[in-house]
């Protein structure tokens, strides 16, 4: 599987796995599908939303980790100085936590409706958490 559908609230997006950048992270995430969570707005990272995952262990290390995701790009921070989390950029972002700058594995990228994604990011900022579903 190289692509999947992501649903945020009532909005659906096409996405592709970034196997060339993070093959282990992509394989581990595929094993979780279908997967549902809540997504909330970030506190420190700019125009992005995140899925806090506490001490969930994905069993992967760092792969092509970056602090500067492109809009539509998902990063997995596998834990360490901060909790495990997934970040989704919808605009300019620098991945960070209360412990400082973080870097995450780029494993998934939304390929459709990025303008709508930016609107949803701002809606989450002002109205709160949304449901997010991967491969459902």
N, C-alpha and C. Protein backbone atom coordinates (compact mmCIF):
# COMPACT_ATOMS: atom_id res chain seq x y z
N UNK A 1 0.85 -1.18 0.00
CA UNK A 1 0.00 0.00 0.00
C UNK A 1 0.89 1.24 0.00
N UNK A 2 0.70 2.09 -0.98
CA UNK A 2 1.48 3.32 -1.07
C UNK A 2 0.65 4.56 -0.75
N UNK A 3 -0.68 4.42 -0.78
CA UNK A 3 -1.54 5.57 -0.51
C UNK A 3 -2.68 5.15 0.40
N UNK A 4 -3.35 6.14 0.95
CA UNK A 4 -4.50 5.89 1.80
C UNK A 4 -5.33 7.15 1.90
N UNK A 5 -6.49 7.02 2.53
CA UNK A 5 -7.37 8.15 2.78
C UNK A 5 -7.29 8.52 4.25
N UNK A 6 -7.24 9.82 4.51
CA UNK A 6 -7.25 10.35 5.88
C UNK A 6 -8.50 11.19 6.01
N UNK A 7 -9.23 10.99 7.10
CA UNK A 7 -10.43 11.78 7.37
C UNK A 7 -10.20 12.59 8.63
N UNK A 8 -10.40 13.91 8.53
CA UNK A 8 -10.33 14.80 9.68
C UNK A 8 -11.70 15.43 9.81
N UNK A 9 -12.41 15.09 10.89
CA UNK A 9 -13.80 15.52 11.00
C UNK A 9 -14.58 14.92 9.85
N UNK A 10 -15.21 15.77 9.03
CA UNK A 10 -15.97 15.32 7.87
C UNK A 10 -15.20 15.45 6.56
N UNK A 11 -13.96 15.90 6.62
CA UNK A 11 -13.16 16.14 5.42
C UNK A 11 -12.23 14.96 5.13
N UNK A 12 -12.17 14.59 3.85
CA UNK A 12 -11.33 13.46 3.41
C UNK A 12 -10.18 13.98 2.55
N UNK A 13 -9.02 13.36 2.76
CA UNK A 13 -7.81 13.74 2.03
C UNK A 13 -7.14 12.49 1.50
N UNK A 14 -6.52 12.61 0.32
CA UNK A 14 -5.66 11.57 -0.20
C UNK A 14 -4.27 11.79 0.39
N UNK A 15 -3.57 10.68 0.64
CA UNK A 15 -2.21 10.78 1.18
C UNK A 15 -1.36 9.63 0.65
N UNK A 16 -0.04 9.84 0.71
CA UNK A 16 0.90 8.80 0.29
C UNK A 16 1.94 8.57 1.39
N UNK A 17 2.37 7.34 1.49
CA UNK A 17 3.44 7.01 2.42
C UNK A 17 4.78 7.49 1.86
N UNK A 18 5.66 7.93 2.74
CA UNK A 18 6.99 8.40 2.36
C UNK A 18 8.02 7.31 2.67
N UNK A 19 7.87 6.17 1.99
CA UNK A 19 8.72 5.01 2.26
C UNK A 19 10.20 5.29 2.04
N UNK A 20 10.53 6.12 1.06
CA UNK A 20 11.95 6.39 0.78
C UNK A 20 12.62 7.11 1.95
N UNK A 21 11.87 7.91 2.69
CA UNK A 21 12.44 8.67 3.80
C UNK A 21 12.39 7.92 5.12
N UNK A 22 11.35 7.15 5.35
CA UNK A 22 11.18 6.50 6.66
C UNK A 22 10.53 5.12 6.50
N UNK A 23 11.24 4.16 5.92
CA UNK A 23 10.64 2.86 5.64
C UNK A 23 10.15 2.10 6.87
N UNK A 24 10.92 2.14 7.95
CA UNK A 24 10.50 1.43 9.17
C UNK A 24 9.27 2.08 9.79
N UNK A 25 9.24 3.40 9.82
CA UNK A 25 8.10 4.12 10.37
C UNK A 25 6.85 3.85 9.54
N UNK A 26 6.98 3.88 8.22
CA UNK A 26 5.84 3.60 7.34
C UNK A 26 5.32 2.18 7.57
N UNK A 27 6.22 1.21 7.65
CA UNK A 27 5.80 -0.18 7.86
C UNK A 27 5.08 -0.34 9.19
N UNK A 28 5.60 0.29 10.23
CA UNK A 28 4.95 0.19 11.55
C UNK A 28 3.58 0.86 11.54
N UNK A 29 3.47 2.00 10.88
CA UNK A 29 2.19 2.70 10.83
C UNK A 29 1.17 1.90 10.02
N UNK A 30 1.60 1.32 8.91
CA UNK A 30 0.69 0.49 8.11
C UNK A 30 0.10 -0.64 8.95
N UNK A 31 0.90 -1.19 9.85
CA UNK A 31 0.43 -2.30 10.69
C UNK A 31 -0.68 -1.87 11.65
N UNK A 32 -0.80 -0.57 11.91
CA UNK A 32 -1.84 -0.06 12.81
C UNK A 32 -3.17 0.18 12.11
N UNK A 33 -3.15 0.23 10.78
CA UNK A 33 -4.35 0.62 10.02
C UNK A 33 -5.45 -0.44 10.07
N UNK A 34 -6.70 -0.03 10.05
CA UNK A 34 -7.18 1.35 10.17
C UNK A 34 -6.96 1.87 11.60
N UNK A 35 -6.77 3.17 11.73
CA UNK A 35 -6.40 3.76 13.02
C UNK A 35 -7.17 5.06 13.22
N UNK A 36 -7.70 5.24 14.41
CA UNK A 36 -8.46 6.46 14.76
C UNK A 36 -7.87 7.10 16.01
N UNK A 37 -7.86 8.43 16.00
CA UNK A 37 -7.36 9.19 17.14
C UNK A 37 -8.10 10.53 17.19
N UNK A 38 -7.66 11.38 18.09
CA UNK A 38 -8.06 12.79 18.15
C UNK A 38 -6.84 13.62 17.77
N UNK A 39 -7.09 14.72 17.08
CA UNK A 39 -6.00 15.63 16.72
C UNK A 39 -6.32 17.01 17.31
N UNK A 40 -5.30 17.62 17.90
CA UNK A 40 -5.45 18.93 18.53
C UNK A 40 -4.40 19.88 17.97
N UNK A 41 -4.54 21.16 18.28
CA UNK A 41 -3.57 22.14 17.79
C UNK A 41 -2.32 22.11 18.66
N UNK A 42 -1.17 22.34 18.01
CA UNK A 42 0.11 22.37 18.73
C UNK A 42 0.19 23.59 19.64
N UNK A 43 1.14 23.55 20.55
CA UNK A 43 1.38 24.68 21.44
C UNK A 43 2.60 25.49 21.03
N UNK A 44 3.64 24.81 20.53
CA UNK A 44 4.92 25.47 20.29
C UNK A 44 5.39 25.43 18.84
N UNK A 45 4.77 24.67 17.99
CA UNK A 45 5.35 24.36 16.69
C UNK A 45 4.87 25.21 15.52
N UNK A 46 4.01 26.18 15.72
CA UNK A 46 3.56 27.01 14.61
C UNK A 46 2.24 26.52 14.05
N UNK A 47 2.11 26.49 12.73
CA UNK A 47 0.87 26.11 12.07
C UNK A 47 0.84 24.60 11.85
N UNK A 48 0.46 23.92 12.91
CA UNK A 48 0.45 22.46 12.89
C UNK A 48 -0.53 21.94 13.94
N UNK A 49 -0.89 20.70 13.77
CA UNK A 49 -1.72 20.00 14.75
C UNK A 49 -0.97 18.73 15.15
N UNK A 50 -1.37 18.14 16.27
CA UNK A 50 -0.64 16.96 16.72
C UNK A 50 -1.55 15.95 17.37
N UNK A 51 -1.03 14.74 17.41
CA UNK A 51 -1.69 13.62 18.07
C UNK A 51 -0.76 13.18 19.19
N UNK A 52 -1.06 13.55 20.45
CA UNK A 52 -0.20 13.12 21.55
C UNK A 52 -0.42 11.63 21.83
N UNK A 53 0.69 10.90 21.98
CA UNK A 53 0.59 9.45 22.14
C UNK A 53 1.26 8.94 23.41
N UNK A 54 1.65 9.85 24.31
CA UNK A 54 2.19 9.43 25.60
C UNK A 54 3.42 8.54 25.44
N UNK A 55 3.36 7.37 26.07
CA UNK A 55 4.52 6.48 26.05
C UNK A 55 4.36 5.34 25.03
N UNK A 56 3.46 5.50 24.06
CA UNK A 56 3.30 4.50 23.01
C UNK A 56 4.64 4.30 22.29
N UNK A 57 5.07 3.06 22.19
CA UNK A 57 6.35 2.75 21.56
C UNK A 57 6.11 2.19 20.17
N UNK A 58 6.50 2.93 19.15
CA UNK A 58 6.37 2.47 17.77
C UNK A 58 7.47 1.48 17.41
N UNK A 59 8.50 1.38 18.25
CA UNK A 59 9.58 0.46 17.97
C UNK A 59 10.47 0.88 16.82
N UNK A 60 10.54 2.17 16.56
CA UNK A 60 11.41 2.68 15.49
C UNK A 60 12.32 3.76 16.07
N UNK A 61 13.43 3.97 15.41
CA UNK A 61 14.33 5.06 15.75
C UNK A 61 14.09 6.23 14.81
N UNK A 62 15.07 7.10 14.72
CA UNK A 62 14.94 8.26 13.85
C UNK A 62 15.34 7.89 12.42
N UNK A 63 14.53 8.35 11.45
CA UNK A 63 14.75 8.12 10.03
C UNK A 63 14.53 9.43 9.28
N UNK A 64 15.57 9.98 8.70
CA UNK A 64 15.46 11.23 7.94
C UNK A 64 14.71 12.30 8.73
N UNK A 65 14.94 12.34 10.03
CA UNK A 65 14.19 13.23 10.91
C UNK A 65 14.39 14.70 10.54
N UNK A 66 13.30 15.46 10.64
CA UNK A 66 13.32 16.89 10.33
C UNK A 66 12.51 17.65 11.38
N UNK A 67 12.86 18.90 11.54
CA UNK A 67 12.10 19.80 12.41
C UNK A 67 11.19 20.73 11.62
N UNK A 68 11.32 20.70 10.29
CA UNK A 68 10.61 21.65 9.44
C UNK A 68 9.76 20.91 8.40
N UNK A 69 8.60 20.41 8.82
CA UNK A 69 7.73 19.70 7.86
C UNK A 69 7.08 20.66 6.88
N UNK A 70 6.81 20.14 5.70
CA UNK A 70 6.05 20.90 4.70
C UNK A 70 4.56 20.80 5.02
N UNK A 71 3.75 21.75 4.58
CA UNK A 71 2.30 21.62 4.77
C UNK A 71 1.79 20.30 4.19
N UNK A 72 1.02 19.60 4.99
CA UNK A 72 0.48 18.31 4.59
C UNK A 72 1.33 17.13 5.02
N UNK A 73 2.51 17.40 5.58
CA UNK A 73 3.42 16.33 5.97
C UNK A 73 3.23 15.93 7.43
N UNK A 74 3.17 14.62 7.66
CA UNK A 74 3.10 14.06 9.00
C UNK A 74 4.49 13.64 9.45
N UNK A 75 4.85 13.96 10.69
CA UNK A 75 6.09 13.51 11.30
C UNK A 75 5.76 12.65 12.52
N UNK A 76 6.51 11.59 12.73
CA UNK A 76 6.42 10.80 13.96
C UNK A 76 7.64 11.08 14.81
N UNK A 77 7.40 11.57 16.02
CA UNK A 77 8.47 11.68 17.01
C UNK A 77 8.37 10.42 17.87
N UNK A 78 9.38 9.53 17.80
CA UNK A 78 9.25 8.23 18.46
C UNK A 78 9.49 8.24 19.97
N UNK A 79 9.62 9.41 20.54
CA UNK A 79 9.83 9.51 21.99
C UNK A 79 11.28 9.80 22.30
N UNK A 80 11.51 10.15 23.55
CA UNK A 80 12.87 10.51 23.99
C UNK A 80 12.78 11.63 24.99
N UNK A 81 13.12 12.85 24.58
CA UNK A 81 13.06 13.98 25.50
C UNK A 81 11.63 14.49 25.68
N UNK A 82 10.73 14.06 24.85
CA UNK A 82 9.31 14.40 24.93
C UNK A 82 8.52 13.13 24.67
N UNK A 83 7.21 13.21 24.82
CA UNK A 83 6.38 12.03 24.58
C UNK A 83 6.31 11.67 23.11
N UNK A 84 5.91 10.46 22.82
CA UNK A 84 5.67 10.04 21.45
C UNK A 84 4.52 10.88 20.90
N UNK A 85 4.67 11.34 19.66
CA UNK A 85 3.61 12.16 19.07
C UNK A 85 3.71 12.17 17.56
N UNK A 86 2.61 12.52 16.94
CA UNK A 86 2.56 12.72 15.50
C UNK A 86 2.18 14.17 15.25
N UNK A 87 2.92 14.83 14.37
CA UNK A 87 2.69 16.22 14.03
C UNK A 87 2.24 16.30 12.58
N UNK A 88 1.24 17.13 12.30
CA UNK A 88 0.78 17.41 10.94
C UNK A 88 0.87 18.91 10.71
N UNK A 89 1.75 19.32 9.80
CA UNK A 89 1.88 20.73 9.46
C UNK A 89 0.79 21.13 8.47
N UNK A 90 0.20 22.30 8.68
CA UNK A 90 -0.73 22.85 7.68
C UNK A 90 -0.24 24.19 7.15
N UNK A 91 0.87 24.67 7.67
CA UNK A 91 1.50 25.91 7.25
C UNK A 91 2.93 25.90 7.77
N UNK A 92 3.57 27.07 7.89
CA UNK A 92 4.93 27.11 8.40
C UNK A 92 5.01 26.55 9.82
N UNK A 93 5.96 25.63 10.03
CA UNK A 93 6.09 24.98 11.33
C UNK A 93 7.54 24.64 11.62
N UNK A 94 7.88 24.70 12.90
CA UNK A 94 9.17 24.23 13.40
C UNK A 94 8.83 23.34 14.60
N UNK A 95 8.99 22.05 14.46
CA UNK A 95 8.58 21.06 15.44
C UNK A 95 9.30 21.29 16.77
N UNK A 96 8.52 21.49 17.84
CA UNK A 96 9.10 21.77 19.15
C UNK A 96 8.17 21.29 20.26
N UNK A 97 8.72 21.23 21.46
CA UNK A 97 7.97 20.89 22.66
C UNK A 97 8.44 21.78 23.79
N UNK A 98 7.90 21.59 24.98
CA UNK A 98 8.36 22.38 26.12
C UNK A 98 9.82 22.09 26.44
N UNK A 99 10.34 20.96 25.94
CA UNK A 99 11.74 20.61 26.14
C UNK A 99 12.65 21.22 25.08
N UNK A 100 12.08 21.85 24.05
CA UNK A 100 12.87 22.46 22.99
C UNK A 100 12.54 21.88 21.64
N UNK A 101 13.39 22.17 20.66
CA UNK A 101 13.15 21.73 19.29
C UNK A 101 13.24 20.21 19.19
N UNK A 102 12.31 19.63 18.40
CA UNK A 102 12.27 18.20 18.15
C UNK A 102 12.45 17.95 16.66
N UNK A 103 12.71 16.71 16.31
CA UNK A 103 12.72 16.29 14.91
C UNK A 103 11.95 14.98 14.83
N UNK A 104 11.20 14.81 13.75
CA UNK A 104 10.40 13.62 13.59
C UNK A 104 10.58 13.00 12.22
N UNK A 105 10.17 11.74 12.12
CA UNK A 105 10.29 10.98 10.88
C UNK A 105 9.16 11.35 9.92
N UNK A 106 9.47 11.83 8.73
CA UNK A 106 8.42 12.15 7.74
C UNK A 106 7.92 10.86 7.09
N UNK A 107 6.68 10.46 7.44
CA UNK A 107 6.21 9.15 7.00
C UNK A 107 4.96 9.18 6.14
N UNK A 108 4.27 10.30 6.07
CA UNK A 108 3.01 10.37 5.35
C UNK A 108 2.80 11.81 4.90
N UNK A 109 2.29 12.00 3.66
CA UNK A 109 2.05 13.34 3.14
C UNK A 109 0.68 13.40 2.49
N UNK A 110 -0.11 14.40 2.88
CA UNK A 110 -1.40 14.65 2.24
C UNK A 110 -1.13 15.22 0.86
N UNK A 111 -1.83 14.68 -0.15
CA UNK A 111 -1.58 15.08 -1.53
C UNK A 111 -2.75 15.81 -2.17
N UNK A 112 -3.80 16.06 -1.42
CA UNK A 112 -4.97 16.74 -1.99
C UNK A 112 -5.51 17.78 -1.01
N UNK A 113 -6.12 18.83 -1.56
CA UNK A 113 -6.87 19.82 -0.77
C UNK A 113 -6.07 20.47 0.35
N UNK A 114 -4.83 20.89 0.06
CA UNK A 114 -4.03 21.53 1.11
C UNK A 114 -4.64 22.86 1.57
N UNK A 115 -5.37 23.55 0.70
CA UNK A 115 -6.05 24.78 1.12
C UNK A 115 -7.07 24.47 2.21
N UNK A 116 -7.81 23.40 2.02
CA UNK A 116 -8.81 23.00 3.03
C UNK A 116 -8.12 22.55 4.31
N UNK A 117 -6.96 21.88 4.18
CA UNK A 117 -6.22 21.47 5.37
C UNK A 117 -5.85 22.67 6.22
N UNK A 118 -5.43 23.77 5.60
CA UNK A 118 -5.09 24.99 6.34
C UNK A 118 -6.32 25.54 7.06
N UNK A 119 -7.47 25.50 6.43
CA UNK A 119 -8.71 25.95 7.08
C UNK A 119 -9.02 25.08 8.28
N UNK A 120 -8.88 23.77 8.13
CA UNK A 120 -9.15 22.85 9.24
C UNK A 120 -8.19 23.10 10.40
N UNK A 121 -6.91 23.35 10.09
CA UNK A 121 -5.94 23.65 11.14
C UNK A 121 -6.36 24.85 11.96
N UNK A 122 -6.80 25.91 11.28
CA UNK A 122 -7.26 27.10 12.01
C UNK A 122 -8.54 26.83 12.78
N UNK A 123 -9.42 25.99 12.24
CA UNK A 123 -10.64 25.62 12.97
C UNK A 123 -10.31 24.84 14.23
N UNK A 124 -9.33 23.94 14.15
CA UNK A 124 -8.92 23.19 15.33
C UNK A 124 -8.33 24.14 16.37
N UNK A 125 -7.56 25.13 15.93
CA UNK A 125 -6.99 26.12 16.84
C UNK A 125 -8.09 26.82 17.64
N UNK A 126 -9.16 27.26 16.97
CA UNK A 126 -10.18 28.07 17.62
C UNK A 126 -11.34 27.27 18.19
N UNK A 127 -11.58 26.06 17.68
CA UNK A 127 -12.76 25.30 18.12
C UNK A 127 -12.43 24.01 18.84
N UNK A 128 -11.19 23.54 18.77
CA UNK A 128 -10.79 22.36 19.52
C UNK A 128 -10.62 21.09 18.70
N UNK A 129 -10.41 20.01 19.41
CA UNK A 129 -10.03 18.72 18.85
C UNK A 129 -11.01 18.22 17.80
N UNK A 130 -10.48 17.43 16.88
CA UNK A 130 -11.28 16.75 15.85
C UNK A 130 -10.89 15.28 15.84
N UNK A 131 -11.80 14.47 15.34
CA UNK A 131 -11.47 13.07 15.08
C UNK A 131 -10.62 13.01 13.83
N UNK A 132 -9.66 12.07 13.84
CA UNK A 132 -8.85 11.80 12.64
C UNK A 132 -8.81 10.29 12.46
N UNK A 133 -9.00 9.87 11.23
CA UNK A 133 -8.97 8.44 10.90
C UNK A 133 -8.06 8.21 9.71
N UNK A 134 -7.25 7.19 9.80
CA UNK A 134 -6.31 6.82 8.76
C UNK A 134 -6.74 5.50 8.16
N UNK A 135 -6.94 5.49 6.84
CA UNK A 135 -7.28 4.25 6.16
C UNK A 135 -8.63 3.69 6.51
N UNK A 136 -9.56 4.55 6.89
CA UNK A 136 -10.91 4.11 7.23
C UNK A 136 -11.87 4.55 6.15
